[in-house]
Amino acid sequence: MDIQTKKYHLIEWITKIRDNQLLDKLMKLAEEDDWWDEISQAEKDAIEEGLQDLSENSFFDHSEVRKLYEKHL
């Protein structure tokens, strides 16, 4: 499903909502700042480094990590 279709479905769903509490929660969500703007540059750098590692297939899967750290678990 492309982004425009997703937006249309959300708009259609929102128009049918009758629950004021849910609408209030959605309004609050819409008004919140982007969490990316709230984190430090070091945190952004770490996230970007992790994403770069993923794109280069440079990571350990869960079982490998468990083997490395099982004595600490």
N, C-alpha and C. Protein backbone atom coordinates (compact mmCIF):
# COMPACT_ATOMS: atom_id res chain seq x y z
N MET A 1 0.85 -1.17 0.00
CA MET A 1 0.00 0.00 0.00
C MET A 1 0.90 1.24 0.00
N ASP A 2 0.68 2.14 -0.93
CA ASP A 2 1.52 3.34 -0.99
C ASP A 2 1.09 4.36 0.07
N ILE A 3 1.91 5.37 0.25
CA ILE A 3 1.68 6.33 1.34
C ILE A 3 0.37 7.12 1.15
N GLN A 4 0.04 7.45 -0.07
CA GLN A 4 -1.20 8.21 -0.30
C GLN A 4 -2.43 7.37 0.06
N THR A 5 -2.39 6.09 -0.25
CA THR A 5 -3.49 5.20 0.10
C THR A 5 -3.60 5.07 1.61
N LYS A 6 -2.46 4.95 2.29
CA LYS A 6 -2.46 4.87 3.76
C LYS A 6 -3.09 6.13 4.36
N LYS A 7 -2.70 7.28 3.84
CA LYS A 7 -3.25 8.54 4.35
C LYS A 7 -4.77 8.58 4.14
N TYR A 8 -5.22 8.16 2.98
CA TYR A 8 -6.65 8.15 2.69
C TYR A 8 -7.39 7.25 3.68
N HIS A 9 -6.84 6.05 3.92
CA HIS A 9 -7.49 5.14 4.86
C HIS A 9 -7.53 5.73 6.28
N LEU A 10 -6.47 6.40 6.68
CA LEU A 10 -6.46 7.03 8.00
C LEU A 10 -7.50 8.14 8.09
N ILE A 11 -7.57 8.96 7.06
CA ILE A 11 -8.56 10.04 7.04
C ILE A 11 -9.97 9.47 7.12
N GLU A 12 -10.21 8.44 6.34
CA GLU A 12 -11.52 7.80 6.34
C GLU A 12 -11.85 7.24 7.73
N TRP A 13 -10.87 6.59 8.36
CA TRP A 13 -11.07 6.01 9.69
C TRP A 13 -11.33 7.11 10.73
N ILE A 14 -10.54 8.19 10.67
CA ILE A 14 -10.68 9.28 11.64
C ILE A 14 -12.08 9.92 11.55
N THR A 15 -12.61 10.06 10.34
CA THR A 15 -13.93 10.68 10.20
C THR A 15 -15.03 9.87 10.84
N LYS A 16 -14.78 8.58 11.09
CA LYS A 16 -15.81 7.70 11.68
C LYS A 16 -15.66 7.56 13.20
N ILE A 17 -14.61 8.12 13.79
CA ILE A 17 -14.39 7.99 15.22
C ILE A 17 -15.42 8.81 15.99
N ARG A 18 -16.01 8.18 16.99
CA ARG A 18 -17.00 8.85 17.83
C ARG A 18 -16.52 8.97 19.28
N ASP A 19 -15.37 8.42 19.58
CA ASP A 19 -14.82 8.40 20.93
C ASP A 19 -13.96 9.66 21.16
N ASN A 20 -14.45 10.57 22.04
CA ASN A 20 -13.73 11.82 22.30
C ASN A 20 -12.34 11.59 22.89
N GLN A 21 -12.21 10.58 23.76
CA GLN A 21 -10.90 10.31 24.37
C GLN A 21 -9.89 9.88 23.31
N LEU A 22 -10.32 9.05 22.39
CA LEU A 22 -9.42 8.63 21.32
C LEU A 22 -9.03 9.82 20.44
N LEU A 23 -9.99 10.66 20.13
CA LEU A 23 -9.69 11.86 19.34
C LEU A 23 -8.71 12.78 20.08
N ASP A 24 -8.89 12.92 21.40
CA ASP A 24 -7.96 13.73 22.19
C ASP A 24 -6.55 13.15 22.13
N LYS A 25 -6.44 11.83 22.23
CA LYS A 25 -5.13 11.18 22.14
C LYS A 25 -4.50 11.40 20.78
N LEU A 26 -5.30 11.29 19.73
CA LEU A 26 -4.79 11.52 18.38
C LEU A 26 -4.34 12.97 18.21
N MET A 27 -5.10 13.90 18.77
CA MET A 27 -4.71 15.31 18.70
C MET A 27 -3.39 15.55 19.41
N LYS A 28 -3.24 14.93 20.58
CA LYS A 28 -2.00 15.09 21.33
C LYS A 28 -0.83 14.51 20.54
N LEU A 29 -1.04 13.36 19.93
CA LEU A 29 0.00 12.74 19.12
C LEU A 29 0.39 13.64 17.95
N ALA A 30 -0.59 14.26 17.33
CA ALA A 30 -0.34 15.14 16.19
C ALA A 30 0.42 16.39 16.60
N GLU A 31 0.24 16.83 17.85
CA GLU A 31 0.87 18.06 18.31
C GLU A 31 2.27 17.84 18.89
N GLU A 32 2.62 16.58 19.17
CA GLU A 32 3.91 16.30 19.79
C GLU A 32 5.06 16.63 18.84
N ASP A 33 6.17 17.04 19.43
CA ASP A 33 7.37 17.28 18.66
C ASP A 33 7.95 15.94 18.22
N ASP A 34 8.69 15.99 17.15
CA ASP A 34 9.36 14.80 16.65
C ASP A 34 10.46 14.40 17.64
N TRP A 35 10.47 13.15 18.09
CA TRP A 35 11.46 12.70 19.08
C TRP A 35 12.88 12.89 18.57
N TRP A 36 13.07 12.85 17.27
CA TRP A 36 14.41 13.03 16.69
C TRP A 36 14.97 14.40 17.06
N ASP A 37 14.11 15.38 17.12
CA ASP A 37 14.53 16.74 17.46
C ASP A 37 14.85 16.88 18.95
N GLU A 38 14.42 15.92 19.75
CA GLU A 38 14.60 15.99 21.20
C GLU A 38 15.83 15.24 21.71
N ILE A 39 16.46 14.41 20.88
CA ILE A 39 17.59 13.62 21.36
C ILE A 39 18.90 14.35 21.06
N SER A 40 19.95 13.94 21.76
CA SER A 40 21.25 14.60 21.62
C SER A 40 21.92 14.21 20.29
N GLN A 41 22.92 14.97 19.94
CA GLN A 41 23.67 14.68 18.71
C GLN A 41 24.38 13.33 18.83
N ALA A 42 24.88 12.99 20.02
CA ALA A 42 25.54 11.70 20.23
C ALA A 42 24.56 10.55 19.98
N GLU A 43 23.31 10.71 20.44
CA GLU A 43 22.29 9.68 20.20
C GLU A 43 21.96 9.56 18.72
N LYS A 44 21.85 10.70 18.04
CA LYS A 44 21.61 10.68 16.59
C LYS A 44 22.74 9.99 15.86
N ASP A 45 23.98 10.31 16.25
CA ASP A 45 25.15 9.70 15.62
C ASP A 45 25.15 8.19 15.81
N ALA A 46 24.81 7.73 17.03
CA ALA A 46 24.78 6.29 17.32
C ALA A 46 23.70 5.59 16.49
N ILE A 47 22.55 6.21 16.35
CA ILE A 47 21.47 5.63 15.54
C ILE A 47 21.90 5.56 14.09
N GLU A 48 22.48 6.63 13.58
CA GLU A 48 22.91 6.64 12.19
C GLU A 48 24.02 5.62 11.94
N GLU A 49 24.91 5.45 12.92
CA GLU A 49 25.96 4.44 12.79
C GLU A 49 25.34 3.04 12.74
N GLY A 50 24.36 2.79 13.58
CA GLY A 50 23.67 1.50 13.57
C GLY A 50 22.96 1.24 12.26
N LEU A 51 22.31 2.25 11.72
CA LEU A 51 21.64 2.09 10.44
C LEU A 51 22.64 1.83 9.31
N GLN A 52 23.80 2.50 9.39
CA GLN A 52 24.85 2.26 8.40
C GLN A 52 25.34 0.82 8.49
N ASP A 53 25.56 0.33 9.72
CA ASP A 53 25.98 -1.06 9.92
C ASP A 53 24.96 -2.02 9.31
N LEU A 54 23.68 -1.74 9.53
CA LEU A 54 22.64 -2.60 8.97
C LEU A 54 22.68 -2.61 7.45
N SER A 55 22.86 -1.44 6.85
CA SER A 55 22.88 -1.37 5.39
C SER A 55 24.09 -2.10 4.81
N GLU A 56 25.15 -2.23 5.61
CA GLU A 56 26.36 -2.94 5.16
C GLU A 56 26.38 -4.38 5.64
N ASN A 57 25.26 -4.84 6.19
CA ASN A 57 25.17 -6.20 6.76
C ASN A 57 26.26 -6.47 7.78
N SER A 58 26.61 -5.47 8.55
CA SER A 58 27.64 -5.59 9.57
C SER A 58 26.97 -5.59 10.95
N PHE A 59 26.44 -6.75 11.32
CA PHE A 59 25.76 -6.85 12.61
C PHE A 59 25.76 -8.31 13.06
N PHE A 60 25.42 -8.53 14.33
CA PHE A 60 25.31 -9.86 14.90
C PHE A 60 23.83 -10.20 15.04
N ASP A 61 23.48 -11.44 14.73
CA ASP A 61 22.09 -11.82 14.98
C ASP A 61 21.93 -12.20 16.45
N HIS A 62 20.69 -12.39 16.86
CA HIS A 62 20.37 -12.61 18.27
C HIS A 62 21.13 -13.79 18.86
N SER A 63 21.19 -14.89 18.14
CA SER A 63 21.86 -16.09 18.68
C SER A 63 23.36 -15.84 18.89
N GLU A 64 23.98 -15.07 18.00
CA GLU A 64 25.40 -14.76 18.16
C GLU A 64 25.64 -13.89 19.40
N VAL A 65 24.78 -12.95 19.63
CA VAL A 65 24.90 -12.07 20.79
C VAL A 65 24.70 -12.87 22.07
N ARG A 66 23.72 -13.77 22.07
CA ARG A 66 23.49 -14.61 23.25
C ARG A 66 24.72 -15.44 23.57
N LYS A 67 25.37 -16.00 22.55
CA LYS A 67 26.58 -16.80 22.78
C LYS A 67 27.68 -15.94 23.39
N LEU A 68 27.82 -14.72 22.89
CA LEU A 68 28.87 -13.83 23.39
C LEU A 68 28.64 -13.41 24.84
N TYR A 69 27.38 -13.23 25.21
CA TYR A 69 27.08 -12.65 26.52
C TYR A 69 26.33 -13.59 27.45
N GLU A 70 26.24 -14.87 27.13
CA GLU A 70 25.44 -15.76 27.96
C GLU A 70 25.93 -15.87 29.39
N LYS A 71 27.24 -15.73 29.60
CA LYS A 71 27.74 -15.79 30.97
C LYS A 71 27.28 -14.60 31.80
N HIS A 72 26.88 -13.53 31.16
CA HIS A 72 26.41 -12.34 31.87
C HIS A 72 24.89 -12.33 32.05
N LEU A 73 24.21 -13.27 31.42
CA LEU A 73 22.73 -13.28 31.46
C LEU A 73 22.22 -14.05 32.65
